[in-house]
Amino acid sequence: MQGSAYQKDNPNTVENRLMGRLHALDLIPGLDHPFSRVSRTDKGVSARMNALTIRLKIRHPHMALQDLQRVYVKEINKKLKHMQVIDMRSVPNFFDARLNCIHRTYLYFFMDKNYNFERMKEGCKLFLGEHDFSNFCKKRKNSTCFRRTILKFEVRRMDKKFHYFKIKGTSFLYNQIRHMVAALFQLGTGNLEVEDLANMLNNHPCRDKNFKIADEDGLLLYSFKFSDLNFNVHVDNRVFSHLMEKAIQSAVLLVSLCYPRKVKRPNCGFFEDILDEDDHGEGDEKCPP
């Protein structure tokens, strides 16, 4: 798909397809019906799940609310391709998917290019806490606040050649994660010093910031958590692991066309292992037996 965000002249986005289906079912008055999302993902970025708040029409006024929600989910999913609605909940009028989300967790998968992982781990630690990330984002028009809080930033190993970053934050600036990852790659290759990274976080310009933003293909919105709402996310990680296997194989072919290698398929347990104790409640649905 061409990203998640609704685009007036592009039907091939997640929100375009969803809004089109809701309109076809007469659950919303038009495609421009207002809503709020947890996170926007650009073209090339993947999402294991996302959530939005939207006001829908009541088509069966005499039906119990829980039954109505199940009916809506079933009807919406009938003609949705490459995506599905997992759960639906009634929320108070003041609830907002973006504002009531207390943190989001992203993963960034990458292939080892003889990186110095000790230096990269030092860089990960520097990102923790509240900082001015104006040097680590694509600045949008009228943007004035660049302070964000990173709750967790780790680099982990998948197998001998593949690793991933796990990044948890309260919210993120546009392209912030890909800029941070790009800086860590430069740190890992010796093209950037730890002191340079610290200076950039102190809002000082980097003496040699000529590196590109990290590719979008490795980025995945993995999970999120609301302050006052639990919901069912029956994500079948067996299916998801198959999709990730295809993505990883594609990445290998792009990086090493002459020497493609077979990557061990990430099984269901791999995606469960990503979650830590403080992650439970972020949609960590266990795999079916």
Protein backbone atom coordinates (compact mmCIF):
# COMPACT_ATOMS: atom_id res chain seq x y z
CA MET A 1 0.00 0.00 0.00
CA GLN A 2 0.99 3.63 -0.44
CA GLY A 3 1.24 4.33 3.29
CA SER A 4 -1.45 4.53 5.96
CA ALA A 5 -2.66 8.15 5.79
CA TYR A 6 -5.77 9.13 3.86
CA GLN A 7 -5.02 10.79 0.51
CA LYS A 8 -7.71 12.44 -1.56
CA ASP A 9 -6.51 11.09 -4.92
CA ASN A 10 -4.93 7.79 -3.86
CA PRO A 11 -7.27 4.90 -3.01
CA ASN A 12 -4.40 2.54 -2.19
CA THR A 13 -3.69 3.56 1.41
CA VAL A 14 -4.82 1.87 4.61
CA GLU A 15 -7.13 4.70 5.63
CA ASN A 16 -8.54 5.18 2.12
CA ARG A 17 -9.55 1.53 2.00
CA LEU A 18 -10.97 1.57 5.51
CA MET A 19 -12.91 4.80 5.03
CA GLY A 20 -14.19 3.57 1.69
CA ARG A 21 -15.50 0.42 3.32
CA LEU A 22 -17.13 2.34 6.18
CA HIS A 23 -18.80 4.66 3.69
CA ALA A 24 -20.01 1.74 1.57
CA LEU A 25 -21.66 0.29 4.68
CA ASP A 26 -23.24 3.69 5.44
CA LEU A 27 -21.43 3.88 8.78
CA ILE A 28 -19.99 7.32 8.00
CA PRO A 29 -21.53 10.17 5.96
CA GLY A 30 -18.50 10.74 3.72
CA LEU A 31 -14.85 9.94 3.09
CA ASP A 32 -13.81 13.18 4.80
CA HIS A 33 -15.38 12.06 8.10
CA PRO A 34 -13.01 13.10 10.96
CA PHE A 35 -10.99 10.55 12.93
CA SER A 36 -7.82 10.27 15.01
CA ARG A 37 -5.09 7.64 14.63
CA VAL A 38 -2.36 6.30 16.94
CA SER A 39 0.37 6.61 14.34
CA ARG A 40 0.86 7.50 10.71
CA THR A 41 3.13 5.23 8.66
CA ASP A 42 4.65 6.27 5.34
CA LYS A 43 4.92 4.19 2.19
CA GLY A 44 7.38 1.35 2.76
CA VAL A 45 6.92 1.34 6.54
CA SER A 46 5.09 -1.66 8.02
CA ALA A 47 2.63 -1.86 10.90
CA ARG A 48 1.71 -4.92 12.92
CA MET A 49 -1.29 -2.97 14.23
CA ASN A 50 -2.72 0.52 14.48
CA ALA A 51 -5.85 2.08 15.99
CA LEU A 52 -8.16 5.01 15.34
CA THR A 53 -11.13 6.69 16.96
CA ILE A 54 -14.09 7.51 14.75
CA ARG A 55 -17.80 8.18 15.25
CA LEU A 56 -19.98 5.59 13.45
CA LYS A 57 -23.69 5.46 12.77
CA ILE A 58 -25.83 2.99 14.74
CA ARG A 59 -27.47 0.79 12.12
CA HIS A 60 -29.09 -1.67 14.54
CA PRO A 61 -30.42 0.45 17.44
CA HIS A 62 -32.01 -2.50 19.28
CA MET A 63 -28.89 -4.66 19.26
CA ALA A 64 -26.66 -4.96 22.34
CA LEU A 65 -23.51 -2.86 21.98
CA GLN A 66 -21.08 -5.80 22.14
CA ASP A 67 -23.08 -7.71 19.53
CA LEU A 68 -23.21 -4.63 17.33
CA GLN A 69 -19.43 -4.24 17.50
CA ARG A 70 -18.91 -7.86 16.46
CA VAL A 71 -21.34 -7.42 13.56
CA TYR A 72 -19.56 -4.27 12.41
CA VAL A 73 -16.13 -5.94 12.52
CA LYS A 74 -17.40 -8.88 10.47
CA GLU A 75 -19.10 -6.64 7.88
CA ILE A 76 -16.13 -4.31 7.54
CA ASN A 77 -13.68 -7.18 7.01
CA LYS A 78 -15.72 -8.87 4.28
CA LYS A 79 -14.18 -6.86 1.44
CA LEU A 80 -11.00 -5.48 2.96
CA LYS A 81 -7.81 -6.67 1.26
CA HIS A 82 -4.35 -6.91 2.85
CA MET A 83 -5.67 -5.63 6.18
CA GLN A 84 -8.35 -6.41 8.74
CA VAL A 85 -10.17 -4.83 11.63
CA ILE A 86 -9.21 -6.80 14.75
CA ASP A 87 -11.35 -5.24 17.46
CA MET A 88 -13.84 -2.44 18.03
CA ARG A 89 -14.68 -0.74 21.32
CA SER A 90 -17.06 1.97 22.47
CA VAL A 91 -15.14 4.85 24.06
CA PRO A 92 -16.08 8.15 25.76
CA ASN A 93 -16.55 11.18 23.53
CA PHE A 94 -13.33 12.73 24.81
CA PHE A 95 -11.18 9.68 23.95
CA ASP A 96 -8.63 10.35 21.22
CA ALA A 97 -6.45 7.58 19.75
CA ARG A 98 -3.43 9.84 19.32
CA LEU A 99 -3.67 11.84 22.53
CA ASN A 100 -4.62 8.91 24.79
CA CYS A 101 -1.76 6.74 23.55
CA ILE A 102 0.90 6.82 26.27
CA HIS A 103 3.65 5.14 24.25
CA ARG A 104 4.42 3.49 20.92
CA THR A 105 6.95 0.75 20.18
CA TYR A 106 8.78 0.48 16.86
CA LEU A 107 11.27 -2.07 15.56
CA TYR A 108 13.88 -1.40 12.91
CA PHE A 109 15.37 -4.50 11.23
CA PHE A 110 18.77 -4.30 9.57
CA MET A 111 21.63 -6.38 8.25
CA ASP A 112 25.03 -6.29 9.96
CA LYS A 113 27.68 -4.50 7.89
CA ASN A 114 30.52 -5.06 10.36
CA TYR A 115 29.10 -2.46 12.72
CA ASN A 116 30.72 -1.73 16.05
CA PHE A 117 27.78 -2.69 18.25
CA GLU A 118 29.36 -1.42 21.46
CA ARG A 119 29.47 2.08 20.01
CA MET A 120 25.91 1.70 18.76
CA LYS A 121 24.77 0.66 22.24
CA GLU A 122 26.40 3.80 23.64
CA GLY A 123 24.45 5.83 21.12
CA CYS A 124 21.19 4.10 22.05
CA LYS A 125 21.69 5.11 25.68
CA LEU A 126 22.22 8.75 24.70
CA PHE A 127 18.78 8.88 23.11
CA LEU A 128 17.03 7.83 26.34
CA GLY A 129 15.01 10.47 28.16
CA GLU A 130 13.66 13.82 27.02
CA HIS A 131 15.68 15.69 24.40
CA ASP A 132 15.38 18.25 21.64
CA PHE A 133 15.29 16.05 18.53
CA SER A 134 15.30 18.88 16.00
CA ASN A 135 18.48 17.39 14.47
CA PHE A 136 16.78 14.02 14.12
CA CYS A 137 13.62 14.67 12.11
CA LYS A 138 12.22 16.11 8.93
CA LYS A 139 10.97 19.51 9.99
CA ARG A 140 7.47 20.35 8.92
CA LYS A 141 6.11 23.79 8.24
CA ASN A 142 4.98 25.57 11.41
CA SER A 143 6.60 22.94 13.67
CA THR A 144 7.89 24.60 16.84
CA CYS A 145 8.21 21.89 19.51
CA PHE A 146 10.87 19.26 18.95
CA ARG A 147 11.16 17.82 22.45
CA ARG A 148 10.25 14.15 22.73
CA THR A 149 10.83 11.40 25.30
CA ILE A 150 12.44 8.05 24.49
CA LEU A 151 11.60 5.35 27.05
CA LYS A 152 13.62 2.51 25.56
CA PHE A 153 16.22 2.23 22.80
CA GLU A 154 18.03 -1.09 22.40
CA VAL A 155 19.82 -3.03 19.69
CA ARG A 156 19.13 -6.76 19.64
CA ARG A 157 20.34 -9.73 17.63
CA MET A 158 18.07 -11.87 15.43
CA ASP A 159 20.71 -14.24 14.03
CA LYS A 160 24.33 -14.03 12.88
CA LYS A 161 23.72 -11.28 10.35
CA PHE A 162 20.39 -9.69 11.24
CA HIS A 163 19.67 -7.35 14.13
CA TYR A 164 16.95 -4.94 15.10
CA PHE A 165 16.52 -1.79 17.14
CA LYS A 166 13.65 -1.62 19.61
CA ILE A 167 12.49 1.95 20.19
CA LYS A 168 9.74 2.95 22.61
CA GLY A 169 8.66 6.55 23.03
CA THR A 170 5.70 8.62 24.09
CA SER A 171 5.48 10.10 20.58
CA PHE A 172 7.77 10.76 17.63
CA LEU A 173 8.53 13.56 15.19
CA TYR A 174 8.23 13.03 11.45
CA ASN A 175 10.95 10.57 10.33
CA GLN A 176 12.56 10.78 13.78
CA ILE A 177 13.25 7.06 14.13
CA ARG A 178 14.83 6.76 10.70
CA HIS A 179 17.08 9.75 11.43
CA MET A 180 18.16 8.27 14.79
CA VAL A 181 18.85 4.89 13.19
CA ALA A 182 20.89 6.56 10.42
CA ALA A 183 23.02 8.29 13.06
CA LEU A 184 23.59 4.97 14.85
CA PHE A 185 24.69 3.36 11.60
CA GLN A 186 27.24 6.16 11.18
CA LEU A 187 28.33 5.63 14.76
CA GLY A 188 28.73 1.90 14.13
CA THR A 189 30.92 2.45 11.08
CA GLY A 190 33.11 5.06 12.75
CA ASN A 191 31.90 7.94 10.58
CA LEU A 192 30.36 9.63 13.62
CA GLU A 193 31.69 9.97 17.14
CA VAL A 194 29.69 9.57 20.35
CA GLU A 195 30.50 13.19 21.16
CA ASP A 196 28.97 14.26 17.84
CA LEU A 197 25.76 12.46 18.70
CA ALA A 198 25.66 14.09 22.13
CA ASN A 199 26.18 17.52 20.57
CA MET A 200 23.35 16.92 18.10
CA LEU A 201 21.05 16.08 21.01
CA ASN A 202 22.07 19.38 22.60
CA ASN A 203 20.79 21.08 19.45
CA HIS A 204 24.28 21.79 18.09
CA PRO A 205 24.77 21.23 14.36
CA CYS A 206 26.81 18.16 13.48
CA ARG A 207 30.22 18.98 12.02
CA ASP A 208 29.72 16.47 9.20
CA LYS A 209 26.08 15.48 8.94
CA ASN A 210 26.13 14.26 5.36
CA PHE A 211 24.54 10.86 5.92
CA LYS A 212 21.21 9.80 4.47
CA ILE A 213 18.09 8.96 6.41
CA ALA A 214 17.72 5.20 7.02
CA ASP A 215 15.55 3.30 4.53
CA GLU A 216 11.88 2.99 5.34
CA ASP A 217 11.71 -0.74 4.56
CA GLY A 218 13.20 -1.82 7.88
CA LEU A 219 10.77 0.11 10.08
CA LEU A 220 7.79 -1.53 11.78
CA LEU A 221 5.17 -0.11 14.14
CA TYR A 222 4.99 -3.04 16.54
CA SER A 223 2.67 -2.05 19.38
CA PHE A 224 1.21 0.77 21.45
CA LYS A 225 -0.60 1.29 24.74
CA PHE A 226 -3.49 3.48 25.85
CA SER A 227 -3.70 5.03 29.29
CA ASP A 228 -7.22 3.85 30.06
CA LEU A 229 -8.30 1.26 27.49
CA ASN A 230 -7.53 -2.42 26.96
CA PHE A 231 -8.56 -4.12 23.75
CA ASN A 232 -8.29 -7.48 22.02
CA VAL A 233 -5.62 -7.77 19.35
CA HIS A 234 -5.76 -11.31 18.07
CA VAL A 235 -2.73 -10.87 15.84
CA ASP A 236 -1.69 -14.27 14.52
CA ASN A 237 2.07 -13.99 14.73
CA ARG A 238 2.45 -17.12 12.60
CA VAL A 239 1.02 -15.21 9.65
CA PHE A 240 3.00 -12.12 10.56
CA SER A 241 6.27 -14.07 10.73
CA HIS A 242 5.68 -15.32 7.19
CA LEU A 243 5.26 -11.74 5.95
CA MET A 244 8.42 -10.68 7.78
CA GLU A 245 10.32 -13.59 6.26
CA LYS A 246 9.46 -12.33 2.78
CA ALA A 247 10.49 -8.79 3.72
CA ILE A 248 13.79 -9.99 5.18
CA GLN A 249 14.58 -12.10 2.12
CA SER A 250 13.88 -9.07 -0.08
CA ALA A 251 16.24 -6.97 2.02
CA VAL A 252 18.97 -9.58 1.66
CA LEU A 253 18.60 -9.61 -2.10
CA LEU A 254 18.79 -5.83 -2.25
CA VAL A 255 21.85 -5.64 -0.04
CA SER A 256 23.71 -8.58 -1.57
CA LEU A 257 22.49 -9.43 -5.05
CA CYS A 258 25.58 -11.48 -5.81
CA TYR A 259 25.50 -13.52 -2.62
CA PRO A 260 21.90 -14.00 -1.50
CA ARG A 261 21.69 -16.03 1.68
CA LYS A 262 18.85 -17.97 3.21
CA VAL A 263 17.66 -16.44 6.47
CA LYS A 264 16.20 -18.60 9.17
CA ARG A 265 12.47 -17.96 9.23
CA PRO A 266 11.43 -15.93 12.30
CA ASN A 267 8.86 -18.09 14.03
CA CYS A 268 5.96 -17.13 16.24
CA GLY A 269 8.11 -17.21 19.36
CA PHE A 270 10.48 -14.61 17.95
CA PHE A 271 7.79 -11.95 17.96
CA GLU A 272 6.71 -12.91 21.47
CA ASP A 273 10.32 -12.60 22.65
CA ILE A 274 10.40 -9.00 21.43
CA LEU A 275 8.05 -8.09 24.26
CA ASP A 276 9.49 -7.38 27.69
CA GLU A 277 7.77 -7.38 31.06
CA ASP A 278 6.93 -3.69 30.80
CA ASP A 279 5.41 -4.24 27.35
CA HIS A 280 2.57 -6.52 28.43
CA GLY A 281 -0.77 -4.95 27.69
CA GLU A 282 0.47 -3.54 24.37
CA GLY A 283 -1.42 -6.07 22.32
CA ASP A 284 0.90 -8.96 23.13
CA GLU A 285 -1.53 -11.64 22.06
CA LYS A 286 0.07 -15.07 22.34
CA CYS A 287 0.24 -17.36 19.33
CA PRO A 288 -2.44 -20.02 19.00
CA PRO A 289 -1.24 -23.55 19.86
